[in-house]
Amino acid sequence: MGGINLNESGLDFVRQVFVTFGGNTTVLTLFLLSVLYLALKGKKEERYVFVTTAVFLAFTVYNPFAVKYILGKLGMVNVYYRFFWILPMVLTIGYACTKVVGGQKKGWRRYLTAAALAAVICFGGNSVLAGGLPKLPDNQYKMPDDLLAVCTVLHEEAGEGTVRVVFEPDFNLIVRQYDASFELVLDRDMVLTYQGSNTVSTDALTEQEIEDETKILQIITQMDLSLDQKEFYRSLREMNAEYIVLSSSSAAVSYVETAGCIPVREVEGHIIFRVKEK
């Protein structure tokens, strides 16, 4: 969940989730104030629904000891469903605010109270513009322009039909959103696992596929260029790779060419290699 893992975070898991997905403490503060208000001013039924629920959640969903035990038993080390902890907060805050506004006898006081509460809710959180203005997409496909150019050239070289291509990780994870005719030599989950993700699995791959894809990733990510070039080329052939796309500045360019791959075109800062059997 956002890179937060129960096994790694332990008892700090709940706090990390709140900080990561809850922003500042505004929502939590409003929730606690709402529970306190309903406990003091609410009717018996309201206290039963909201206060009792809050107490129950305090011992379960919001309790790091309980979360670690329960989610650990369920094997949900990467998941902490937000409706478990966000939904009760939103419902309680909304009900309490409505009760506060409705409790004002004069019309002008209702409007003023409603405006004040709305202002706290709207402006108390993190601004959506805190990271600057949203960046407009490069094109109608909302994909990098250089990726579109590379795809066009690949189809010019390979012709119609599907093409098996080795892309660098950044392109590998998004290219099929633009053009599904490309067959990825590197499995998506394999790439994510290689990058350190613990939220995916490579169980669907054979041991040989994992070995070959690891060798290819080792080279194209420039992690280790000491691998024997024959081994690298053999892995490409085993995976039926037809083309490789590398950044022009990649240290792996000369390695891939020496290994037997033929550079056919350079476009938008990327070199396209054809894998040809020796």
C-alpha atoms as a PDB file:
ATOM      1  CA  MET A   1       0.000   0.000   0.000  1.00  0.00           C
ATOM      2  CA  GLY A   2       1.931   2.985  -1.268  1.00  0.00           C
ATOM      3  CA  GLY A   3       5.164   1.128  -0.488  1.00  0.00           C
ATOM      4  CA  ILE A   4       4.170   0.654   3.177  1.00  0.00           C
ATOM      5  CA  ASN A   5       4.597  -2.923   4.318  1.00  0.00           C
ATOM      6  CA  LEU A   6       3.266  -4.352   7.582  1.00  0.00           C
ATOM      7  CA  ASN A   7       6.222  -6.684   8.055  1.00  0.00           C
ATOM      8  CA  GLU A   8       8.696  -3.836   7.615  1.00  0.00           C
ATOM      9  CA  SER A   9       6.798  -1.141   9.527  1.00  0.00           C
ATOM     10  CA  GLY A  10       5.526  -3.278  12.402  1.00  0.00           C
ATOM     11  CA  LEU A  11       3.648  -1.277  15.028  1.00  0.00           C
ATOM     12  CA  ASP A  12       4.378   1.922  13.122  1.00  0.00           C
ATOM     13  CA  PHE A  13       2.282   0.690  10.169  1.00  0.00           C
ATOM     14  CA  VAL A  14      -0.936   2.494  11.163  1.00  0.00           C
ATOM     15  CA  ARG A  15       0.828   5.807  11.815  1.00  0.00           C
ATOM     16  CA  GLN A  16       2.650   5.634   8.480  1.00  0.00           C
ATOM     17  CA  VAL A  17      -0.617   4.959   6.647  1.00  0.00           C
ATOM     18  CA  PHE A  18      -2.324   7.907   8.368  1.00  0.00           C
ATOM     19  CA  VAL A  19       0.559  10.258   7.565  1.00  0.00           C
ATOM     20  CA  THR A  20       0.865   9.084   3.951  1.00  0.00           C
ATOM     21  CA  PHE A  21      -2.810   9.048   3.012  1.00  0.00           C
ATOM     22  CA  GLY A  22      -4.363  11.350   5.597  1.00  0.00           C
ATOM     23  CA  GLY A  23      -2.191  14.384   4.965  1.00  0.00           C
ATOM     24  CA  ASN A  24      -2.075  16.612   8.022  1.00  0.00           C
ATOM     25  CA  THR A  25      -4.041  15.994  11.224  1.00  0.00           C
ATOM     26  CA  THR A  26      -7.152  17.994  10.261  1.00  0.00           C
ATOM     27  CA  VAL A  27      -9.400  15.006   9.523  1.00  0.00           C
ATOM     28  CA  LEU A  28      -8.266  13.104  12.604  1.00  0.00           C
ATOM     29  CA  THR A  29      -8.772  16.178  14.810  1.00  0.00           C
ATOM     30  CA  LEU A  30     -12.250  16.825  13.405  1.00  0.00           C
ATOM     31  CA  PHE A  31     -13.115  13.166  13.944  1.00  0.00           C
ATOM     32  CA  LEU A  32     -12.077  13.254  17.603  1.00  0.00           C
ATOM     33  CA  LEU A  33     -13.934  16.536  18.185  1.00  0.00           C
ATOM     34  CA  SER A  34     -17.009  15.091  16.484  1.00  0.00           C
ATOM     35  CA  VAL A  35     -16.957  11.992  18.688  1.00  0.00           C
ATOM     36  CA  LEU A  36     -16.550  14.177  21.793  1.00  0.00           C
ATOM     37  CA  TYR A  37     -19.414  16.463  20.715  1.00  0.00           C
ATOM     38  CA  LEU A  38     -21.765  13.536  20.051  1.00  0.00           C
ATOM     39  CA  ALA A  39     -20.784  11.916  23.352  1.00  0.00           C
ATOM     40  CA  LEU A  40     -21.743  15.099  25.224  1.00  0.00           C
ATOM     41  CA  LYS A  41     -24.601  16.474  23.138  1.00  0.00           C
ATOM     42  CA  GLY A  42     -25.893  13.502  21.195  1.00  0.00           C
ATOM     43  CA  LYS A  43     -29.022  11.504  21.868  1.00  0.00           C
ATOM     44  CA  LYS A  44     -28.805   7.964  23.177  1.00  0.00           C
ATOM     45  CA  GLU A  45     -29.160   6.491  19.678  1.00  0.00           C
ATOM     46  CA  GLU A  46     -26.493   8.834  18.308  1.00  0.00           C
ATOM     47  CA  ARG A  47     -24.064   7.951  21.064  1.00  0.00           C
ATOM     48  CA  TYR A  48     -24.715   4.266  20.466  1.00  0.00           C
ATOM     49  CA  VAL A  49     -24.046   4.523  16.728  1.00  0.00           C
ATOM     50  CA  PHE A  50     -21.126   6.936  16.622  1.00  0.00           C
ATOM     51  CA  VAL A  51     -19.406   6.842  20.009  1.00  0.00           C
ATOM     52  CA  THR A  52     -19.637   3.079  20.402  1.00  0.00           C
ATOM     53  CA  THR A  53     -18.333   2.649  16.865  1.00  0.00           C
ATOM     54  CA  ALA A  54     -15.419   5.004  17.561  1.00  0.00           C
ATOM     55  CA  VAL A  55     -14.483   3.066  20.693  1.00  0.00           C
ATOM     56  CA  PHE A  56     -14.657  -0.216  18.784  1.00  0.00           C
ATOM     57  CA  LEU A  57     -12.456   1.199  16.015  1.00  0.00           C
ATOM     58  CA  ALA A  58      -9.985   2.512  18.591  1.00  0.00           C
ATOM     59  CA  PHE A  59      -9.429  -1.038  19.793  1.00  0.00           C
ATOM     60  CA  THR A  60      -9.328  -2.596  16.310  1.00  0.00           C
ATOM     61  CA  VAL A  61      -8.791  -0.627  13.101  1.00  0.00           C
ATOM     62  CA  TYR A  62      -6.893   2.234  14.778  1.00  0.00           C
ATOM     63  CA  ASN A  63      -4.990  -0.039  17.169  1.00  0.00           C
ATOM     64  CA  PRO A  64      -1.487  -0.830  15.830  1.00  0.00           C
ATOM     65  CA  PHE A  65      -1.260  -3.997  17.933  1.00  0.00           C
ATOM     66  CA  ALA A  66      -4.589  -5.331  16.635  1.00  0.00           C
ATOM     67  CA  VAL A  67      -3.821  -4.312  13.041  1.00  0.00           C
ATOM     68  CA  LYS A  68      -0.450  -6.036  13.116  1.00  0.00           C
ATOM     69  CA  TYR A  69      -1.979  -9.229  14.506  1.00  0.00           C
ATOM     70  CA  ILE A  70      -5.152  -9.375  12.382  1.00  0.00           C
ATOM     71  CA  LEU A  71      -3.674  -8.303   9.044  1.00  0.00           C
ATOM     72  CA  GLY A  72      -0.643 -10.483   9.688  1.00  0.00           C
ATOM     73  CA  LYS A  73      -2.890 -13.510  10.197  1.00  0.00           C
ATOM     74  CA  LEU A  74      -4.811 -12.696   7.010  1.00  0.00           C
ATOM     75  CA  GLY A  75      -1.593 -12.238   5.033  1.00  0.00           C
ATOM     76  CA  MET A  76      -2.574  -8.661   4.148  1.00  0.00           C
ATOM     77  CA  VAL A  77       0.874  -7.174   4.747  1.00  0.00           C
ATOM     78  CA  ASN A  78       0.549  -4.628   1.932  1.00  0.00           C
ATOM     79  CA  VAL A  79      -3.142  -3.746   2.295  1.00  0.00           C
ATOM     80  CA  TYR A  80      -5.018  -1.595   4.797  1.00  0.00           C
ATOM     81  CA  TYR A  81      -8.351  -0.906   3.131  1.00  0.00           C
ATOM     82  CA  ARG A  82      -9.086   2.767   3.507  1.00  0.00           C
ATOM     83  CA  PHE A  83     -12.825   2.369   3.944  1.00  0.00           C
ATOM     84  CA  PHE A  84     -12.022   0.685   7.277  1.00  0.00           C
ATOM     85  CA  TRP A  85     -10.566   3.875   8.713  1.00  0.00           C
ATOM     86  CA  ILE A  86     -11.542   6.775   6.414  1.00  0.00           C
ATOM     87  CA  LEU A  87     -15.255   6.016   5.990  1.00  0.00           C
ATOM     88  CA  PRO A  88     -16.098   6.059   9.735  1.00  0.00           C
ATOM     89  CA  MET A  89     -14.280   9.372  10.078  1.00  0.00           C
ATOM     90  CA  VAL A  90     -16.100  11.012   7.175  1.00  0.00           C
ATOM     91  CA  LEU A  91     -19.535   9.807   8.292  1.00  0.00           C
ATOM     92  CA  THR A  92     -18.989  10.898  11.888  1.00  0.00           C
ATOM     93  CA  ILE A  93     -17.636  14.329  10.929  1.00  0.00           C
ATOM     94  CA  GLY A  94     -20.463  14.885   8.458  1.00  0.00           C
ATOM     95  CA  TYR A  95     -23.165  13.927  10.947  1.00  0.00           C
ATOM     96  CA  ALA A  96     -21.684  16.023  13.755  1.00  0.00           C
ATOM     97  CA  CYS A  97     -21.328  19.079  11.513  1.00  0.00           C
ATOM     98  CA  THR A  98     -24.938  18.717  10.354  1.00  0.00           C
ATOM     99  CA  LYS A  99     -26.100  18.455  13.966  1.00  0.00           C
ATOM    100  CA  VAL A 100     -24.115  21.547  14.950  1.00  0.00           C
ATOM    101  CA  VAL A 101     -25.574  23.580  12.072  1.00  0.00           C
ATOM    102  CA  GLY A 102     -29.102  22.304  12.719  1.00  0.00           C
ATOM    103  CA  GLY A 103     -28.799  23.175  16.385  1.00  0.00           C
ATOM    104  CA  GLN A 104     -28.515  26.905  15.657  1.00  0.00           C
ATOM    105  CA  LYS A 105     -31.907  28.524  16.270  1.00  0.00           C
ATOM    106  CA  LYS A 106     -31.469  31.671  14.168  1.00  0.00           C
ATOM    107  CA  GLY A 107     -31.133  31.474  10.401  1.00  0.00           C
ATOM    108  CA  TRP A 108     -28.112  33.768  10.138  1.00  0.00           C
ATOM    109  CA  ARG A 109     -26.263  31.736  12.768  1.00  0.00           C
ATOM    110  CA  ARG A 110     -26.918  28.561  10.793  1.00  0.00           C
ATOM    111  CA  TYR A 111     -25.455  30.079   7.647  1.00  0.00           C
ATOM    112  CA  LEU A 112     -22.451  31.453   9.523  1.00  0.00           C
ATOM    113  CA  THR A 113     -21.809  28.145  11.303  1.00  0.00           C
ATOM    114  CA  ALA A 114     -22.155  26.175   8.070  1.00  0.00           C
ATOM    115  CA  ALA A 115     -19.737  28.535   6.293  1.00  0.00           C
ATOM    116  CA  ALA A 116     -17.215  28.303   9.138  1.00  0.00           C
ATOM    117  CA  LEU A 117     -17.306  24.502   9.222  1.00  0.00           C
ATOM    118  CA  ALA A 118     -17.080  24.313   5.429  1.00  0.00           C
ATOM    119  CA  ALA A 119     -14.046  26.611   5.509  1.00  0.00           C
ATOM    120  CA  VAL A 120     -12.307  24.425   8.098  1.00  0.00           C
ATOM    121  CA  ILE A 121     -12.965  21.278   6.063  1.00  0.00           C
ATOM    122  CA  CYS A 122     -12.009  22.841   2.719  1.00  0.00           C
ATOM    123  CA  PHE A 123      -8.935  24.762   3.802  1.00  0.00           C
ATOM    124  CA  GLY A 124      -7.763  22.712   6.770  1.00  0.00           C
ATOM    125  CA  GLY A 125      -6.262  19.963   4.642  1.00  0.00           C
ATOM    126  CA  ASN A 126      -3.350  19.954   2.238  1.00  0.00           C
ATOM    127  CA  SER A 127      -3.839  22.101  -0.839  1.00  0.00           C
ATOM    128  CA  VAL A 128      -4.028  20.194  -4.116  1.00  0.00           C
ATOM    129  CA  LEU A 129      -1.756  22.892  -5.522  1.00  0.00           C
ATOM    130  CA  ALA A 130       0.902  22.398  -2.851  1.00  0.00           C
ATOM    131  CA  GLY A 131       3.121  20.647  -5.376  1.00  0.00           C
ATOM    132  CA  GLY A 132       2.574  23.294  -8.029  1.00  0.00           C
ATOM    133  CA  LEU A 133       0.133  23.478 -10.911  1.00  0.00           C
ATOM    134  CA  PRO A 134      -0.747  20.192 -12.615  1.00  0.00           C
ATOM    135  CA  LYS A 135       1.385  19.452 -15.669  1.00  0.00           C
ATOM    136  CA  LEU A 136      -0.538  19.296 -18.906  1.00  0.00           C
ATOM    137  CA  PRO A 137      -0.046  16.066 -20.887  1.00  0.00           C
ATOM    138  CA  ASP A 138       2.320  16.117 -23.859  1.00  0.00           C
ATOM    139  CA  ASN A 139      -0.366  14.794 -26.207  1.00  0.00           C
ATOM    140  CA  GLN A 140      -3.898  13.414 -26.413  1.00  0.00           C
ATOM    141  CA  TYR A 141      -2.675   9.957 -25.402  1.00  0.00           C
ATOM    142  CA  LYS A 142      -1.168  11.332 -22.190  1.00  0.00           C
ATOM    143  CA  MET A 143       2.058   9.503 -22.965  1.00  0.00           C
ATOM    144  CA  PRO A 144       5.603  10.856 -23.381  1.00  0.00           C
ATOM    145  CA  ASP A 145       6.216  12.144 -26.908  1.00  0.00           C
ATOM    146  CA  ASP A 146       9.413  10.126 -27.197  1.00  0.00           C
ATOM    147  CA  LEU A 147       7.509   6.905 -26.462  1.00  0.00           C
ATOM    148  CA  LEU A 148       5.058   7.621 -29.282  1.00  0.00           C
ATOM    149  CA  ALA A 149       7.934   8.311 -31.664  1.00  0.00           C
ATOM    150  CA  VAL A 150       9.674   5.059 -30.689  1.00  0.00           C
ATOM    151  CA  CYS A 151       6.466   3.069 -31.208  1.00  0.00           C
ATOM    152  CA  THR A 152       5.977   4.591 -34.661  1.00  0.00           C
ATOM    153  CA  VAL A 153       9.501   3.653 -35.742  1.00  0.00           C
ATOM    154  CA  LEU A 154       9.160   0.130 -34.356  1.00  0.00           C
ATOM    155  CA  HIS A 155       6.074  -0.441 -36.485  1.00  0.00           C
ATOM    156  CA  GLU A 156       7.851   0.996 -39.510  1.00  0.00           C
ATOM    157  CA  GLU A 157      10.691  -1.466 -38.975  1.00  0.00           C
ATOM    158  CA  ALA A 158       8.674  -4.533 -37.980  1.00  0.00           C
ATOM    159  CA  GLY A 159       5.572  -4.040 -40.098  1.00  0.00           C
ATOM    160  CA  GLU A 160       2.074  -5.006 -39.052  1.00  0.00           C
ATOM    161  CA  GLY A 161       1.258  -7.420 -36.263  1.00  0.00           C
ATOM    162  CA  THR A 162       2.670  -7.917 -32.810  1.00  0.00           C
ATOM    163  CA  VAL A 163       6.266  -7.100 -31.941  1.00  0.00           C
ATOM    164  CA  ARG A 164       8.240  -8.512 -29.020  1.00  0.00           C
ATOM    165  CA  VAL A 165      10.313  -5.711 -27.557  1.00  0.00           C
ATOM    166  CA  VAL A 166      12.646  -5.181 -24.623  1.00  0.00           C
ATOM    167  CA  PHE A 167      11.904  -1.745 -23.198  1.00  0.00           C
ATOM    168  CA  GLU A 168      13.639  -0.010 -20.325  1.00  0.00           C
ATOM    169  CA  PRO A 169      11.510  -0.122 -17.134  1.00  0.00           C
ATOM    170  CA  ASP A 170       9.899   3.323 -17.527  1.00  0.00           C
ATOM    171  CA  PHE A 171       8.580   2.527 -21.004  1.00  0.00           C
ATOM    172  CA  ASN A 172       7.899  -1.116 -20.181  1.00  0.00           C
ATOM    173  CA  LEU A 173       5.298  -0.184 -17.574  1.00  0.00           C
ATOM    174  CA  ILE A 174       3.246   2.139 -19.797  1.00  0.00           C
ATOM    175  CA  VAL A 175       3.761   1.273 -23.473  1.00  0.00           C
ATOM    176  CA  ARG A 176       0.820  -1.127 -23.734  1.00  0.00           C
ATOM    177  CA  GLN A 177      -1.522   1.581 -22.485  1.00  0.00           C
ATOM    178  CA  TYR A 178      -0.775   3.278 -25.795  1.00  0.00           C
ATOM    179  CA  ASP A 179      -0.298   0.305 -28.123  1.00  0.00           C
ATOM    180  CA  ALA A 180      -1.319  -3.211 -27.117  1.00  0.00           C
ATOM    181  CA  SER A 181       0.287  -4.737 -30.211  1.00  0.00           C
ATOM    182  CA  PHE A 182       3.638  -4.718 -28.429  1.00  0.00           C
ATOM    183  CA  GLU A 183       4.448  -7.921 -26.573  1.00  0.00           C
ATOM    184  CA  LEU A 184       6.626  -7.225 -23.566  1.00  0.00           C
ATOM    185  CA  VAL A 185       9.659  -9.454 -23.295  1.00  0.00           C
ATOM    186  CA  LEU A 186      10.015  -8.339 -19.689  1.00  0.00           C
ATOM    187  CA  ASP A 187       7.022  -9.265 -17.560  1.00  0.00           C
ATOM    188  CA  ARG A 188       5.553  -6.267 -15.733  1.00  0.00           C
ATOM    189  CA  ASP A 189       5.627  -7.960 -12.330  1.00  0.00           C
ATOM    190  CA  MET A 190       9.191  -9.100 -12.978  1.00  0.00           C
ATOM    191  CA  VAL A 191      10.254  -5.501 -13.628  1.00  0.00           C
ATOM    192  CA  LEU A 192       8.526  -4.262 -10.477  1.00  0.00           C
ATOM    193  CA  THR A 193      10.074  -7.053  -8.416  1.00  0.00           C
ATOM    194  CA  TYR A 194      13.517  -6.235  -9.821  1.00  0.00           C
ATOM    195  CA  GLN A 195      12.972  -2.609  -8.784  1.00  0.00           C
ATOM    196  CA  GLY A 196      12.286  -3.722  -5.220  1.00  0.00           C
ATOM    197  CA  SER A 197       8.485  -3.859  -5.091  1.00  0.00           C
ATOM    198  CA  ASN A 198       7.005  -6.301  -2.592  1.00  0.00           C
ATOM    199  CA  THR A 199       3.408  -5.910  -3.775  1.00  0.00           C
ATOM    200  CA  VAL A 200       3.619  -8.207  -6.812  1.00  0.00           C
ATOM    201  CA  SER A 201       4.578 -11.797  -7.468  1.00  0.00           C
ATOM    202  CA  THR A 202       6.518 -13.633 -10.177  1.00  0.00           C
ATOM    203  CA  ASP A 203       4.855 -16.963  -9.405  1.00  0.00           C
ATOM    204  CA  ALA A 204       3.338 -17.056 -12.901  1.00  0.00           C
ATOM    205  CA  LEU A 205       6.814 -17.224 -14.470  1.00  0.00           C
ATOM    206  CA  THR A 206       8.978 -20.296 -14.858  1.00  0.00           C
ATOM    207  CA  GLU A 207      12.410 -20.446 -13.260  1.00  0.00           C
ATOM    208  CA  GLN A 208      13.997 -20.184 -16.705  1.00  0.00           C
ATOM    209  CA  GLU A 209      11.967 -17.084 -17.569  1.00  0.00           C
ATOM    210  CA  ILE A 210      12.931 -15.439 -14.295  1.00  0.00           C
ATOM    211  CA  GLU A 211      16.597 -16.237 -14.927  1.00  0.00           C
ATOM    212  CA  ASP A 212      16.552 -14.900 -18.499  1.00  0.00           C
ATOM    213  CA  GLU A 213      14.591 -11.757 -17.635  1.00  0.00           C
ATOM    214  CA  THR A 214      16.893 -11.044 -14.705  1.00  0.00           C
ATOM    215  CA  LYS A 215      19.915 -11.166 -17.013  1.00  0.00           C
ATOM    216  CA  ILE A 216      18.272  -8.795 -19.474  1.00  0.00           C
ATOM    217  CA  LEU A 217      17.241  -6.385 -16.717  1.00  0.00           C
ATOM    218  CA  GLN A 218      20.728  -6.544 -15.274  1.00  0.00           C
ATOM    219  CA  ILE A 219      22.085  -5.121 -18.519  1.00  0.00           C
ATOM    220  CA  ILE A 220      19.447  -2.611 -19.626  1.00  0.00           C
ATOM    221  CA  THR A 221      19.270  -1.029 -16.174  1.00  0.00           C
ATOM    222  CA  GLN A 222      23.088  -0.777 -16.178  1.00  0.00           C
ATOM    223  CA  MET A 223      23.238  -2.494 -12.807  1.00  0.00           C
ATOM    224  CA  ASP A 224      25.961  -4.905 -13.850  1.00  0.00           C
ATOM    225  CA  LEU A 225      27.596  -5.035 -17.282  1.00  0.00           C
ATOM    226  CA  SER A 226      29.943  -7.844 -16.314  1.00  0.00           C
ATOM    227  CA  LEU A 227      27.561 -10.542 -17.566  1.00  0.00           C
ATOM    228  CA  ASP A 228      28.999 -12.574 -20.423  1.00  0.00           C
ATOM    229  CA  GLN A 229      27.622 -11.133 -23.668  1.00  0.00           C
ATOM    230  CA  LYS A 230      26.859 -14.598 -25.039  1.00  0.00           C
ATOM    231  CA  GLU A 231      24.711 -15.299 -21.979  1.00  0.00           C
ATOM    232  CA  PHE A 232      22.864 -12.028 -22.488  1.00  0.00           C
ATOM    233  CA  TYR A 233      22.262 -12.745 -26.156  1.00  0.00           C
ATOM    234  CA  ARG A 234      21.142 -16.288 -25.401  1.00  0.00           C
ATOM    235  CA  SER A 235      18.577 -14.930 -22.952  1.00  0.00           C
ATOM    236  CA  LEU A 236      17.263 -12.561 -25.623  1.00  0.00           C
ATOM    237  CA  ARG A 237      16.834 -15.456 -28.036  1.00  0.00           C
ATOM    238  CA  GLU A 238      15.230 -17.653 -25.379  1.00  0.00           C
ATOM    239  CA  MET A 239      12.671 -14.911 -24.714  1.00  0.00           C
ATOM    240  CA  ASN A 240      12.070 -14.445 -28.474  1.00  0.00           C
ATOM    241  CA  ALA A 241      13.017 -10.777 -28.302  1.00  0.00           C
ATOM    242  CA  GLU A 242      12.877  -8.988 -31.667  1.00  0.00           C
ATOM    243  CA  TYR A 243      13.925  -5.476 -30.666  1.00  0.00           C
ATOM    244  CA  ILE A 244      15.557  -3.610 -27.792  1.00  0.00           C
ATOM    245  CA  VAL A 245      14.976   0.072 -27.056  1.00  0.00           C
ATOM    246  CA  LEU A 246      17.597   1.890 -24.994  1.00  0.00           C
ATOM    247  CA  SER A 247      18.193   5.487 -24.054  1.00  0.00           C
ATOM    248  CA  SER A 248      20.990   6.954 -26.192  1.00  0.00           C
ATOM    249  CA  SER A 249      22.860   7.905 -23.032  1.00  0.00           C
ATOM    250  CA  SER A 250      22.675   4.412 -21.544  1.00  0.00           C
ATOM    251  CA  ALA A 251      25.980   2.784 -20.673  1.00  0.00           C
ATOM    252  CA  ALA A 252      24.506  -0.466 -21.990  1.00  0.00           C
ATOM    253  CA  VAL A 253      24.393   0.740 -25.623  1.00  0.00           C
ATOM    254  CA  SER A 254      27.886  -0.433 -26.567  1.00  0.00           C
ATOM    255  CA  TYR A 255      27.425  -3.664 -24.610  1.00  0.00           C
ATOM    256  CA  VAL A 256      24.195  -4.534 -26.458  1.00  0.00           C
ATOM    257  CA  GLU A 257      25.727  -3.742 -29.848  1.00  0.00           C
ATOM    258  CA  THR A 258      28.835  -5.800 -29.134  1.00  0.00           C
ATOM    259  CA  ALA A 259      26.631  -8.663 -27.976  1.00  0.00           C
ATOM    260  CA  GLY A 260      25.240  -8.922 -31.505  1.00  0.00           C
ATOM    261  CA  CYS A 261      22.220  -6.626 -31.616  1.00  0.00           C
ATOM    262  CA  ILE A 262      22.016  -4.325 -34.624  1.00  0.00           C
ATOM    263  CA  PRO A 263      21.193  -0.609 -34.183  1.00  0.00           C
ATOM    264  CA  VAL A 264      18.586   0.279 -36.802  1.00  0.00           C
ATOM    265  CA  ARG A 265      17.290   3.724 -35.873  1.00  0.00           C
ATOM    266  CA  GLU A 266      17.804   6.508 -33.361  1.00  0.00           C
ATOM    267  CA  VAL A 267      14.773   8.580 -32.480  1.00  0.00           C
ATOM    268  CA  GLU A 268      13.980  11.115 -29.748  1.00  0.00           C
ATOM    269  CA  GLY A 269      17.002  10.192 -27.641  1.00  0.00           C
ATOM    270  CA  HIS A 270      16.508   6.424 -27.948  1.00  0.00           C
ATOM    271  CA  ILE A 271      18.301   3.773 -29.991  1.00  0.00           C
ATOM    272  CA  ILE A 272      16.331   0.863 -31.432  1.00  0.00           C
ATOM    273  CA  PHE A 273      18.262  -2.394 -31.796  1.00  0.00           C
ATOM    274  CA  ARG A 274      17.172  -5.421 -33.774  1.00  0.00           C
ATOM    275  CA  VAL A 275      17.963  -8.786 -32.240  1.00  0.00           C
ATOM    276  CA  LYS A 276      19.382 -10.900 -35.037  1.00  0.00           C
ATOM    277  CA  GLU A 277      20.566 -14.447 -34.650  1.00  0.00           C
ATOM    278  CA  LYS A 278      24.274 -14.835 -35.307  1.00  0.00           C
END
